[in-house]
Amino acid sequence: MTKAEVISAIADKTGVDKASVSVTLESFFETVKAELSKGEGVFVRGFGSFVNKKRAAKKARNISAKTTVDVPEHYVPGFKPAKEFTEQVKSNVK
């Protein structure tokens, strides 16, 4: 499902015009990105948590140059679904 399809589905279910739904959805995404950039998490009860995950420093290989590269410690965005969300998916997807 694409973002446009999500916007259409929400607009059909709520009766709100697609432009308003699009602005709301984009605002949500921007808020999540801003909070994660500040090091904060976003927790949506019943849906899940958007959090930063710490990746430890490691050594990697550049295969083409046959050299070792140091990758510093860094953070990547992650999503952890809520228990109810996980159970719903498990029971419905066959």
N, C-alpha and C. Protein backbone atom coordinates (compact mmCIF):
# COMPACT_ATOMS: atom_id res chain seq x y z
N MET A 1 0.85 -1.18 0.00
CA MET A 1 0.00 0.00 0.00
C MET A 1 0.90 1.24 0.00
N THR A 2 0.65 2.15 -0.91
CA THR A 2 1.44 3.37 -0.99
C THR A 2 0.85 4.47 -0.11
N LYS A 3 1.60 5.55 0.05
CA LYS A 3 1.12 6.67 0.86
C LYS A 3 -0.17 7.24 0.27
N ALA A 4 -0.25 7.34 -1.06
CA ALA A 4 -1.46 7.84 -1.71
C ALA A 4 -2.66 6.94 -1.42
N GLU A 5 -2.44 5.64 -1.41
CA GLU A 5 -3.52 4.70 -1.09
C GLU A 5 -3.95 4.82 0.37
N VAL A 6 -2.99 5.06 1.26
CA VAL A 6 -3.32 5.26 2.68
C VAL A 6 -4.16 6.51 2.84
N ILE A 7 -3.77 7.59 2.16
CA ILE A 7 -4.53 8.84 2.23
C ILE A 7 -5.93 8.64 1.71
N SER A 8 -6.09 7.94 0.60
CA SER A 8 -7.43 7.67 0.04
C SER A 8 -8.27 6.84 1.00
N ALA A 9 -7.66 5.82 1.61
CA ALA A 9 -8.40 4.97 2.54
C ALA A 9 -8.87 5.75 3.76
N ILE A 10 -8.01 6.60 4.31
CA ILE A 10 -8.39 7.40 5.47
C ILE A 10 -9.48 8.40 5.10
N ALA A 11 -9.34 9.03 3.93
CA ALA A 11 -10.35 9.99 3.48
C ALA A 11 -11.70 9.31 3.29
N ASP A 12 -11.71 8.10 2.74
CA ASP A 12 -12.97 7.37 2.54
C ASP A 12 -13.61 6.98 3.87
N LYS A 13 -12.79 6.55 4.84
CA LYS A 13 -13.33 6.12 6.13
C LYS A 13 -13.83 7.28 6.98
N THR A 14 -13.16 8.43 6.89
CA THR A 14 -13.49 9.54 7.78
C THR A 14 -14.38 10.59 7.15
N GLY A 15 -14.41 10.65 5.83
CA GLY A 15 -15.18 11.68 5.15
C GLY A 15 -14.45 13.01 5.06
N VAL A 16 -13.20 13.05 5.48
CA VAL A 16 -12.37 14.25 5.41
C VAL A 16 -11.73 14.28 4.03
N ASP A 17 -11.57 15.49 3.46
CA ASP A 17 -11.00 15.56 2.12
C ASP A 17 -9.54 15.10 2.11
N LYS A 18 -9.09 14.62 0.95
CA LYS A 18 -7.75 14.05 0.82
C LYS A 18 -6.66 15.07 1.13
N ALA A 19 -6.86 16.33 0.78
CA ALA A 19 -5.84 17.35 1.04
C ALA A 19 -5.58 17.49 2.53
N SER A 20 -6.64 17.51 3.33
CA SER A 20 -6.48 17.62 4.79
C SER A 20 -5.81 16.38 5.37
N VAL A 21 -6.19 15.22 4.88
CA VAL A 21 -5.58 13.98 5.35
C VAL A 21 -4.10 13.96 5.00
N SER A 22 -3.76 14.41 3.79
CA SER A 22 -2.38 14.45 3.35
C SER A 22 -1.54 15.37 4.24
N VAL A 23 -2.06 16.55 4.55
CA VAL A 23 -1.35 17.49 5.42
C VAL A 23 -1.14 16.89 6.81
N THR A 24 -2.17 16.25 7.32
CA THR A 24 -2.09 15.63 8.65
C THR A 24 -1.05 14.51 8.67
N LEU A 25 -1.08 13.66 7.66
CA LEU A 25 -0.14 12.54 7.59
C LEU A 25 1.30 13.04 7.44
N GLU A 26 1.51 14.04 6.59
CA GLU A 26 2.85 14.61 6.43
C GLU A 26 3.33 15.25 7.73
N SER A 27 2.43 15.92 8.44
CA SER A 27 2.79 16.53 9.72
C SER A 27 3.20 15.47 10.74
N PHE A 28 2.50 14.34 10.75
CA PHE A 28 2.85 13.24 11.63
C PHE A 28 4.25 12.74 11.32
N PHE A 29 4.53 12.51 10.04
CA PHE A 29 5.86 12.02 9.65
C PHE A 29 6.95 13.02 10.03
N GLU A 30 6.71 14.30 9.82
CA GLU A 30 7.70 15.33 10.16
C GLU A 30 7.94 15.38 11.67
N THR A 31 6.88 15.23 12.45
CA THR A 31 7.00 15.23 13.90
C THR A 31 7.83 14.04 14.38
N VAL A 32 7.56 12.86 13.83
CA VAL A 32 8.32 11.67 14.20
C VAL A 32 9.80 11.87 13.85
N LYS A 33 10.08 12.35 12.65
CA LYS A 33 11.47 12.56 12.24
C LYS A 33 12.16 13.60 13.14
N ALA A 34 11.46 14.67 13.47
CA ALA A 34 12.05 15.71 14.32
C ALA A 34 12.37 15.18 15.71
N GLU A 35 11.45 14.43 16.29
CA GLU A 35 11.68 13.90 17.63
C GLU A 35 12.82 12.89 17.65
N LEU A 36 12.87 12.01 16.65
CA LEU A 36 13.96 11.04 16.59
C LEU A 36 15.30 11.74 16.37
N SER A 37 15.31 12.83 15.60
CA SER A 37 16.53 13.59 15.38
C SER A 37 17.04 14.22 16.66
N LYS A 38 16.11 14.55 17.58
CA LYS A 38 16.50 15.11 18.87
C LYS A 38 16.87 14.03 19.88
N GLY A 39 16.73 12.76 19.50
CA GLY A 39 17.05 11.67 20.41
C GLY A 39 15.88 11.20 21.24
N GLU A 40 14.70 11.71 20.96
CA GLU A 40 13.49 11.33 21.70
C GLU A 40 12.72 10.25 20.93
N GLY A 41 11.93 9.47 21.64
CA GLY A 41 11.09 8.46 21.01
C GLY A 41 9.67 8.97 20.87
N VAL A 42 8.90 8.32 20.02
CA VAL A 42 7.48 8.63 19.85
C VAL A 42 6.72 7.34 20.14
N PHE A 43 5.83 7.40 21.13
CA PHE A 43 5.11 6.23 21.58
C PHE A 43 3.62 6.40 21.30
N VAL A 44 3.05 5.50 20.49
CA VAL A 44 1.63 5.54 20.13
C VAL A 44 0.99 4.29 20.73
N ARG A 45 0.21 4.49 21.79
CA ARG A 45 -0.39 3.37 22.50
C ARG A 45 -1.27 2.55 21.56
N GLY A 46 -1.08 1.24 21.59
CA GLY A 46 -1.87 0.33 20.76
C GLY A 46 -1.30 0.16 19.35
N PHE A 47 -0.31 0.97 18.97
CA PHE A 47 0.27 0.88 17.63
C PHE A 47 1.74 0.48 17.72
N GLY A 48 2.55 1.29 18.41
CA GLY A 48 3.95 0.95 18.54
C GLY A 48 4.80 2.14 18.92
N SER A 49 6.11 1.93 18.91
CA SER A 49 7.06 2.95 19.32
C SER A 49 8.09 3.19 18.22
N PHE A 50 8.32 4.47 17.93
CA PHE A 50 9.39 4.86 17.03
C PHE A 50 10.55 5.27 17.92
N VAL A 51 11.68 4.56 17.82
CA VAL A 51 12.80 4.79 18.72
C VAL A 51 14.11 4.80 17.94
N ASN A 52 15.15 5.35 18.57
CA ASN A 52 16.49 5.29 18.00
C ASN A 52 17.18 4.04 18.54
N LYS A 53 17.80 3.28 17.65
CA LYS A 53 18.53 2.09 18.05
C LYS A 53 20.02 2.35 17.91
N LYS A 54 20.75 1.99 18.94
CA LYS A 54 22.19 2.22 18.95
C LYS A 54 22.91 1.08 18.24
N ARG A 55 23.79 1.45 17.33
CA ARG A 55 24.64 0.48 16.64
C ARG A 55 26.07 0.68 17.16
N ALA A 56 26.67 -0.37 17.61
CA ALA A 56 28.02 -0.31 18.18
C ALA A 56 29.05 -0.07 17.07
N ALA A 57 30.20 0.46 17.48
CA ALA A 57 31.30 0.65 16.54
C ALA A 57 31.77 -0.72 16.06
N LYS A 58 32.20 -0.78 14.80
CA LYS A 58 32.65 -2.06 14.26
C LYS A 58 33.66 -1.83 13.13
N LYS A 59 34.28 -2.89 12.73
CA LYS A 59 35.19 -2.84 11.59
C LYS A 59 34.47 -3.50 10.41
N ALA A 60 34.54 -2.85 9.26
CA ALA A 60 33.91 -3.37 8.05
C ALA A 60 34.97 -3.52 6.97
N ARG A 61 34.64 -4.24 5.92
CA ARG A 61 35.60 -4.46 4.84
C ARG A 61 35.12 -3.77 3.58
N ASN A 62 36.03 -3.03 2.94
CA ASN A 62 35.79 -2.50 1.61
C ASN A 62 36.37 -3.54 0.66
N ILE A 63 35.50 -4.34 0.07
CA ILE A 63 35.93 -5.49 -0.72
C ILE A 63 36.72 -5.06 -1.96
N SER A 64 36.26 -3.99 -2.63
CA SER A 64 36.94 -3.58 -3.86
C SER A 64 38.34 -3.06 -3.61
N ALA A 65 38.55 -2.34 -2.51
CA ALA A 65 39.87 -1.80 -2.19
C ALA A 65 40.67 -2.73 -1.27
N LYS A 66 40.03 -3.78 -0.78
CA LYS A 66 40.65 -4.75 0.13
C LYS A 66 41.26 -4.07 1.35
N THR A 67 40.46 -3.19 1.95
CA THR A 67 40.90 -2.48 3.15
C THR A 67 39.86 -2.64 4.25
N THR A 68 40.28 -2.36 5.46
CA THR A 68 39.37 -2.39 6.61
C THR A 68 38.97 -0.96 6.93
N VAL A 69 37.69 -0.77 7.20
CA VAL A 69 37.15 0.55 7.49
C VAL A 69 36.53 0.53 8.88
N ASP A 70 36.81 1.55 9.68
CA ASP A 70 36.17 1.66 11.00
C ASP A 70 34.84 2.37 10.84
N VAL A 71 33.77 1.72 11.30
CA VAL A 71 32.44 2.33 11.31
C VAL A 71 32.17 2.78 12.74
N PRO A 72 31.99 4.08 12.96
CA PRO A 72 31.81 4.56 14.34
C PRO A 72 30.43 4.17 14.90
N GLU A 73 30.30 4.28 16.21
CA GLU A 73 29.02 4.06 16.87
C GLU A 73 28.02 5.07 16.31
N HIS A 74 26.79 4.61 16.04
CA HIS A 74 25.77 5.51 15.49
C HIS A 74 24.37 5.01 15.84
N TYR A 75 23.39 5.84 15.56
CA TYR A 75 22.00 5.50 15.84
C TYR A 75 21.22 5.41 14.53
N VAL A 76 20.27 4.47 14.49
CA VAL A 76 19.39 4.33 13.34
C VAL A 76 17.95 4.33 13.85
N PRO A 77 17.00 4.87 13.07
CA PRO A 77 15.61 4.84 13.52
C PRO A 77 15.04 3.43 13.44
N GLY A 78 14.17 3.13 14.39
CA GLY A 78 13.55 1.82 14.41
C GLY A 78 12.11 1.91 14.86
N PHE A 79 11.36 0.85 14.61
CA PHE A 79 9.96 0.78 15.02
C PHE A 79 9.74 -0.53 15.75
N LYS A 80 9.09 -0.45 16.91
CA LYS A 80 8.74 -1.64 17.67
C LYS A 80 7.22 -1.67 17.81
N PRO A 81 6.55 -2.62 17.15
CA PRO A 81 5.09 -2.66 17.23
C PRO A 81 4.60 -3.01 18.63
N ALA A 82 3.41 -2.49 18.95
CA ALA A 82 2.79 -2.79 20.24
C ALA A 82 2.33 -4.25 20.25
N LYS A 83 2.17 -4.79 21.44
CA LYS A 83 1.77 -6.19 21.59
C LYS A 83 0.43 -6.46 20.90
N GLU A 84 -0.54 -5.54 21.06
CA GLU A 84 -1.86 -5.73 20.43
C GLU A 84 -1.74 -5.75 18.91
N PHE A 85 -0.89 -4.88 18.38
CA PHE A 85 -0.67 -4.80 16.94
C PHE A 85 -0.08 -6.11 16.43
N THR A 86 0.93 -6.61 17.13
CA THR A 86 1.58 -7.86 16.74
C THR A 86 0.59 -9.01 16.78
N GLU A 87 -0.20 -9.07 17.83
CA GLU A 87 -1.18 -10.17 17.95
C GLU A 87 -2.23 -10.10 16.84
N GLN A 88 -2.68 -8.90 16.48
CA GLN A 88 -3.67 -8.74 15.41
C GLN A 88 -3.11 -9.24 14.08
N VAL A 89 -1.87 -8.90 13.79
CA VAL A 89 -1.25 -9.32 12.55
C VAL A 89 -1.07 -10.85 12.55
N LYS A 90 -0.61 -11.41 13.66
CA LYS A 90 -0.41 -12.85 13.75
C LYS A 90 -1.71 -13.62 13.53
N SER A 91 -2.81 -13.10 14.08
CA SER A 91 -4.06 -13.84 13.99
C SER A 91 -4.75 -13.69 12.63
N ASN A 92 -4.43 -12.62 11.87
CA ASN A 92 -5.12 -12.39 10.61
C ASN A 92 -4.33 -12.80 9.37
N VAL A 93 -3.02 -12.79 9.43
CA VAL A 93 -2.21 -13.13 8.26
C VAL A 93 -1.94 -14.63 8.27
N LYS A 94 -2.31 -15.26 7.21
CA LYS A 94 -2.12 -16.72 7.11
C LYS A 94 -1.10 -17.04 6.06
